[in-house]
Amino acid sequence: MIHSTAVIADSAKIGNNVTIGPFCYVGDNVVLGDDCILESHVVIKGPSKIGKANRFFQFCSIGEDCQDKKYAGEPTELVIGDNNVFREGSTVHRGTIQDESITIVGSNNLLMVNAHVAHDCVLGDNVILANNVSLAGHVHIGDHVIFGGGAAIHQFGKVGDHAFVGAGAIVLRDVPPYVMVNGQKNVPAGINSEGLRRRGFSSEAVMAIKRAYRTLYRANNTVDEALEILKKEAGTQSELNVLVEFLENAERGIIR
């Protein structure tokens, strides 16, 4: 169903069983997958490719030009997976040619009220961004990551799988997988053990990750020393591989 007040560009491609509510705008070069819902006053611009069963609440702005002053109208893209929910006022911008020219949002994510995903960000799957979370440009977020309300992360920052960033945190360095970050203190505060259990991690795996955390943060090791120890332990505990890979590629350093 498309409301009579909605404006749909001629080049937009609309899938089956799509609902587009009052006063929505779907621009040129937008692809909307099957079963998507645009509640009302939603703006989606292209080039944007949006998968199936995504729901956009009122006043979302999706696929807009980025806020980078270097952007000069080059053709860049936004790609969104399936089954995401974008709550009121959330914003997602397309990429820039200074990176890979693309912003990516995976599947099964929840962006709450006024969450912002800047240009060239890459979000994995099952991510939750609570109210007023801000991701600066070029940020990479892994799977099953949660950001508490009002948290923000610096440009080019990375957050590993299953990490938890507390409300109000200002993240200036990379957050390794499994680690929790306190709010405004922005320091590591143990592992996200409750989240891991909810996702089916075994008690043995959780204990191994806790030992890895102690190696990284409590044993007076440098990051390089901890990395060598964790590489050996990952040989028998596969859950540590994602942590090892993250540490090897943490260009901004990690929170300590």
Protein backbone atom coordinates (compact mmCIF):
# COMPACT_ATOMS: atom_id res chain seq x y z
CA MET A 1 0.00 0.00 0.00
CA ILE A 2 1.33 3.42 -0.97
CA HIS A 3 -0.40 6.46 0.54
CA SER A 4 -1.64 9.09 -1.86
CA THR A 5 0.57 11.78 -0.27
CA ALA A 6 3.79 9.78 -0.68
CA VAL A 7 6.27 10.82 -3.39
CA ILE A 8 8.06 8.01 -5.22
CA ALA A 9 10.75 8.72 -7.81
CA ASP A 10 10.34 7.09 -11.21
CA SER A 11 13.66 5.26 -10.88
CA ALA A 12 12.87 3.81 -7.45
CA LYS A 13 12.21 0.07 -7.35
CA ILE A 14 9.62 -1.05 -4.83
CA GLY A 15 9.30 -4.71 -3.80
CA ASN A 16 6.19 -6.71 -3.05
CA ASN A 17 3.92 -6.03 -0.07
CA VAL A 18 5.64 -2.74 0.77
CA THR A 19 3.78 -0.16 2.87
CA ILE A 20 4.62 3.51 2.34
CA GLY A 21 2.73 5.83 4.65
CA PRO A 22 1.69 9.49 4.50
CA PHE A 23 4.15 12.15 3.35
CA CYS A 24 7.05 9.75 2.73
CA TYR A 25 9.65 10.41 0.04
CA VAL A 26 11.51 7.66 -1.83
CA GLY A 27 14.12 9.13 -4.15
CA ASP A 28 15.99 8.17 -7.27
CA ASN A 29 18.00 4.95 -7.32
CA VAL A 30 16.40 3.53 -4.20
CA VAL A 31 15.66 -0.19 -4.07
CA LEU A 32 13.17 -1.22 -1.37
CA GLY A 33 12.91 -4.96 -0.71
CA ASP A 34 9.75 -6.93 -0.05
CA ASP A 35 7.67 -6.35 3.10
CA CYS A 36 9.32 -3.06 4.08
CA ILE A 37 7.24 -0.54 6.04
CA LEU A 38 7.66 3.23 5.97
CA GLU A 39 5.33 4.57 8.65
CA SER A 40 5.09 8.28 7.75
CA HIS A 41 7.31 11.29 6.92
CA VAL A 42 10.22 8.96 6.09
CA VAL A 43 12.85 10.17 3.61
CA ILE A 44 14.97 7.62 1.74
CA LYS A 45 17.44 8.82 -0.88
CA GLY A 46 19.76 6.91 -3.16
CA PRO A 47 21.70 5.22 -4.38
CA SER A 48 20.44 2.93 -1.60
CA LYS A 49 19.75 -0.80 -1.62
CA ILE A 50 17.45 -1.89 1.19
CA GLY A 51 16.64 -5.53 1.89
CA LYS A 52 13.48 -7.21 3.07
CA ALA A 53 11.18 -6.55 6.03
CA ASN A 54 12.82 -3.35 7.25
CA ARG A 55 10.64 -0.95 9.23
CA PHE A 56 11.19 2.81 9.27
CA PHE A 57 9.35 4.93 11.81
CA GLN A 58 8.43 8.57 11.30
CA PHE A 59 11.02 11.20 10.45
CA CYS A 60 13.83 8.78 9.60
CA SER A 61 16.35 10.15 7.10
CA ILE A 62 18.02 7.31 5.24
CA GLY A 63 20.64 7.49 2.46
CA GLU A 64 21.16 11.25 2.64
CA ASP A 65 24.37 12.99 1.53
CA CYS A 66 26.98 12.83 4.26
CA GLN A 67 28.10 15.71 6.49
CA ASP A 68 31.76 15.48 5.45
CA LYS A 69 32.89 18.80 3.95
CA LYS A 70 35.04 16.89 1.45
CA TYR A 71 31.94 15.36 -0.08
CA ALA A 72 31.32 16.95 -3.48
CA GLY A 73 28.32 15.05 -4.74
CA GLU A 74 30.17 11.92 -5.88
CA PRO A 75 28.00 8.82 -6.45
CA THR A 76 28.18 6.83 -3.24
CA GLU A 77 25.94 4.14 -1.79
CA LEU A 78 24.07 2.82 1.22
CA VAL A 79 23.33 -0.88 1.62
CA ILE A 80 20.96 -2.18 4.31
CA GLY A 81 20.21 -5.84 5.02
CA ASP A 82 16.99 -7.44 6.25
CA ASN A 83 14.72 -7.18 9.30
CA ASN A 84 16.10 -3.94 10.71
CA VAL A 85 14.08 -1.45 12.75
CA PHE A 86 14.82 2.28 12.46
CA ARG A 87 12.96 4.22 15.15
CA GLU A 88 11.87 7.85 15.07
CA GLY A 89 14.40 10.36 13.80
CA SER A 90 17.22 7.90 13.13
CA THR A 91 19.65 8.91 10.38
CA VAL A 92 21.97 6.91 8.12
CA HIS A 93 24.22 8.60 5.54
CA ARG A 94 25.82 7.25 2.38
CA GLY A 95 29.58 6.75 2.04
CA THR A 96 32.41 8.86 0.62
CA ILE A 97 35.05 8.28 -2.02
CA GLN A 98 37.70 8.80 0.66
CA ASP A 99 36.77 5.32 1.92
CA GLU A 100 34.97 2.53 0.03
CA SER A 101 32.11 4.81 -1.11
CA ILE A 102 29.60 2.77 0.84
CA THR A 103 27.84 2.68 4.20
CA ILE A 104 26.65 -0.77 5.28
CA VAL A 105 24.03 -1.79 7.84
CA GLY A 106 23.63 -5.54 8.29
CA SER A 107 20.51 -7.41 9.37
CA ASN A 108 18.35 -7.71 12.51
CA ASN A 109 19.56 -4.41 13.95
CA LEU A 110 17.64 -1.93 16.10
CA LEU A 111 18.39 1.77 15.82
CA MET A 112 16.43 3.60 18.50
CA VAL A 113 15.23 7.21 18.52
CA ASN A 114 17.69 9.72 17.00
CA ALA A 115 20.49 7.19 16.49
CA HIS A 116 22.97 8.41 13.87
CA VAL A 117 25.13 6.30 11.54
CA ALA A 118 27.57 8.49 9.65
CA HIS A 119 29.21 8.01 6.27
CA ASP A 120 31.28 4.89 5.58
CA CYS A 121 30.22 3.11 8.76
CA VAL A 122 29.87 -0.68 8.68
CA LEU A 123 27.43 -2.32 11.10
CA GLY A 124 27.23 -6.06 11.54
CA ASP A 125 24.13 -8.01 12.54
CA ASN A 126 22.04 -7.94 15.73
CA VAL A 127 23.36 -4.53 16.81
CA ILE A 128 21.38 -2.27 19.15
CA LEU A 129 21.98 1.49 19.14
CA ALA A 130 19.92 3.05 21.94
CA ASN A 131 18.48 6.56 21.89
CA ASN A 132 20.81 9.36 20.70
CA VAL A 133 23.79 7.12 19.94
CA SER A 134 26.20 8.73 17.45
CA LEU A 135 28.60 6.83 15.23
CA ALA A 136 31.14 9.11 13.56
CA GLY A 137 32.43 8.43 10.06
CA HIS A 138 34.26 5.24 9.09
CA VAL A 139 33.29 3.38 12.28
CA HIS A 140 33.11 -0.43 12.15
CA ILE A 141 30.78 -2.25 14.55
CA GLY A 142 30.79 -6.05 14.90
CA ASP A 143 27.88 -8.42 15.51
CA HIS A 144 25.75 -8.46 18.69
CA VAL A 145 27.09 -5.10 19.89
CA ILE A 146 25.00 -2.87 22.18
CA PHE A 147 25.44 0.89 22.63
CA GLY A 148 23.68 2.46 25.61
CA GLY A 149 21.81 5.75 25.29
CA GLY A 150 23.81 8.83 24.35
CA ALA A 151 27.05 6.94 23.67
CA ALA A 152 29.33 8.12 20.88
CA ILE A 153 32.41 6.83 19.09
CA HIS A 154 35.27 8.65 17.36
CA GLN A 155 35.93 8.46 13.61
CA PHE A 156 37.56 5.25 12.39
CA GLY A 157 36.82 3.53 15.70
CA LYS A 158 36.11 -0.19 15.87
CA VAL A 159 33.98 -2.21 18.27
CA GLY A 160 34.34 -5.99 18.26
CA ASP A 161 31.65 -8.67 18.39
CA HIS A 162 29.54 -9.00 21.59
CA ALA A 163 30.94 -5.81 23.15
CA PHE A 164 28.79 -3.52 25.30
CA VAL A 165 29.25 0.26 25.38
CA GLY A 166 27.59 1.87 28.39
CA ALA A 167 25.25 4.84 28.28
CA GLY A 168 27.02 8.17 27.85
CA ALA A 169 30.38 6.66 26.90
CA ILE A 170 32.66 8.67 24.62
CA VAL A 171 34.73 5.98 22.88
CA LEU A 172 38.05 7.30 21.59
CA ARG A 173 39.84 3.98 21.07
CA ASP A 174 38.84 0.56 19.79
CA VAL A 175 36.77 -1.75 21.99
CA PRO A 176 37.81 -5.42 21.70
CA PRO A 177 35.25 -8.22 21.33
CA TYR A 178 33.34 -9.24 24.49
CA VAL A 179 34.47 -6.18 26.49
CA MET A 180 32.14 -3.82 28.36
CA VAL A 181 32.91 -0.10 28.53
CA ASN A 182 31.71 1.98 31.47
CA GLY A 183 29.77 5.11 30.65
CA GLN A 184 31.62 8.38 30.92
CA LYS A 185 34.71 6.77 32.44
CA ASN A 186 35.41 5.03 29.12
CA VAL A 187 37.44 2.26 30.72
CA PRO A 188 37.13 -1.53 30.36
CA ALA A 189 34.83 -3.06 32.97
CA GLY A 190 34.98 -6.80 32.49
CA ILE A 191 33.38 -8.87 29.73
CA ASN A 192 29.79 -8.87 28.55
CA SER A 193 29.17 -12.26 30.21
CA GLU A 194 25.39 -11.96 30.51
CA GLY A 195 25.06 -11.12 26.84
CA LEU A 196 27.25 -14.07 25.91
CA ARG A 197 25.13 -16.49 27.95
CA ARG A 198 21.95 -15.18 26.32
CA ARG A 199 23.49 -15.91 22.93
CA GLY A 200 24.30 -19.51 23.81
CA PHE A 201 27.97 -19.31 24.72
CA SER A 202 28.91 -22.24 26.93
CA SER A 203 30.19 -21.77 30.48
CA GLU A 204 33.56 -23.05 29.30
CA ALA A 205 33.69 -20.44 26.53
CA VAL A 206 32.71 -17.62 28.91
CA MET A 207 35.43 -18.67 31.35
CA ALA A 208 37.99 -18.74 28.54
CA ILE A 209 36.99 -15.22 27.53
CA LYS A 210 37.26 -14.07 31.17
CA ARG A 211 40.79 -15.50 31.32
CA ALA A 212 41.61 -13.70 28.10
CA TYR A 213 40.32 -10.46 29.60
CA ARG A 214 42.61 -10.91 32.61
CA THR A 215 45.52 -11.57 30.28
CA LEU A 216 44.78 -8.40 28.35
CA TYR A 217 43.84 -6.07 31.20
CA ARG A 218 44.88 -7.43 34.59
CA ALA A 219 48.18 -9.25 34.17
CA ASN A 220 50.45 -6.23 33.50
CA ASN A 221 51.06 -7.40 29.95
CA THR A 222 51.56 -5.03 27.06
CA VAL A 223 49.05 -5.47 24.24
CA ASP A 224 51.70 -7.25 22.16
CA GLU A 225 52.56 -9.60 25.02
CA ALA A 226 48.89 -10.35 25.66
CA LEU A 227 48.34 -10.96 21.95
CA GLU A 228 51.03 -13.63 21.82
CA ILE A 229 49.52 -15.41 24.81
CA LEU A 230 46.01 -15.23 23.35
CA LYS A 231 47.18 -16.61 20.01
CA LYS A 232 48.32 -19.77 21.77
CA GLU A 233 45.11 -20.07 23.80
CA ALA A 234 42.99 -19.57 20.68
CA GLY A 235 44.37 -22.84 19.38
CA THR A 236 42.17 -24.71 21.86
CA GLN A 237 39.40 -22.13 22.39
CA SER A 238 37.97 -20.95 19.07
CA GLU A 239 35.96 -18.10 20.62
CA LEU A 240 39.25 -16.26 21.16
CA ASN A 241 40.02 -16.10 17.44
CA VAL A 242 37.78 -13.06 16.98
CA LEU A 243 39.62 -11.31 19.82
CA VAL A 244 43.04 -12.14 18.38
CA GLU A 245 42.03 -10.91 14.92
CA PHE A 246 40.63 -7.70 16.37
CA LEU A 247 43.80 -6.94 18.34
CA GLU A 248 45.94 -7.55 15.29
CA ASN A 249 43.95 -4.94 13.35
CA ALA A 250 43.29 -2.30 16.03
CA GLU A 251 44.74 0.72 14.24
CA ARG A 252 43.74 3.28 16.89
CA GLY A 253 44.86 1.19 19.86
CA ILE A 254 42.38 -0.30 22.34
CA ILE A 255 40.83 1.04 25.51
CA ARG A 256 43.09 0.30 28.51
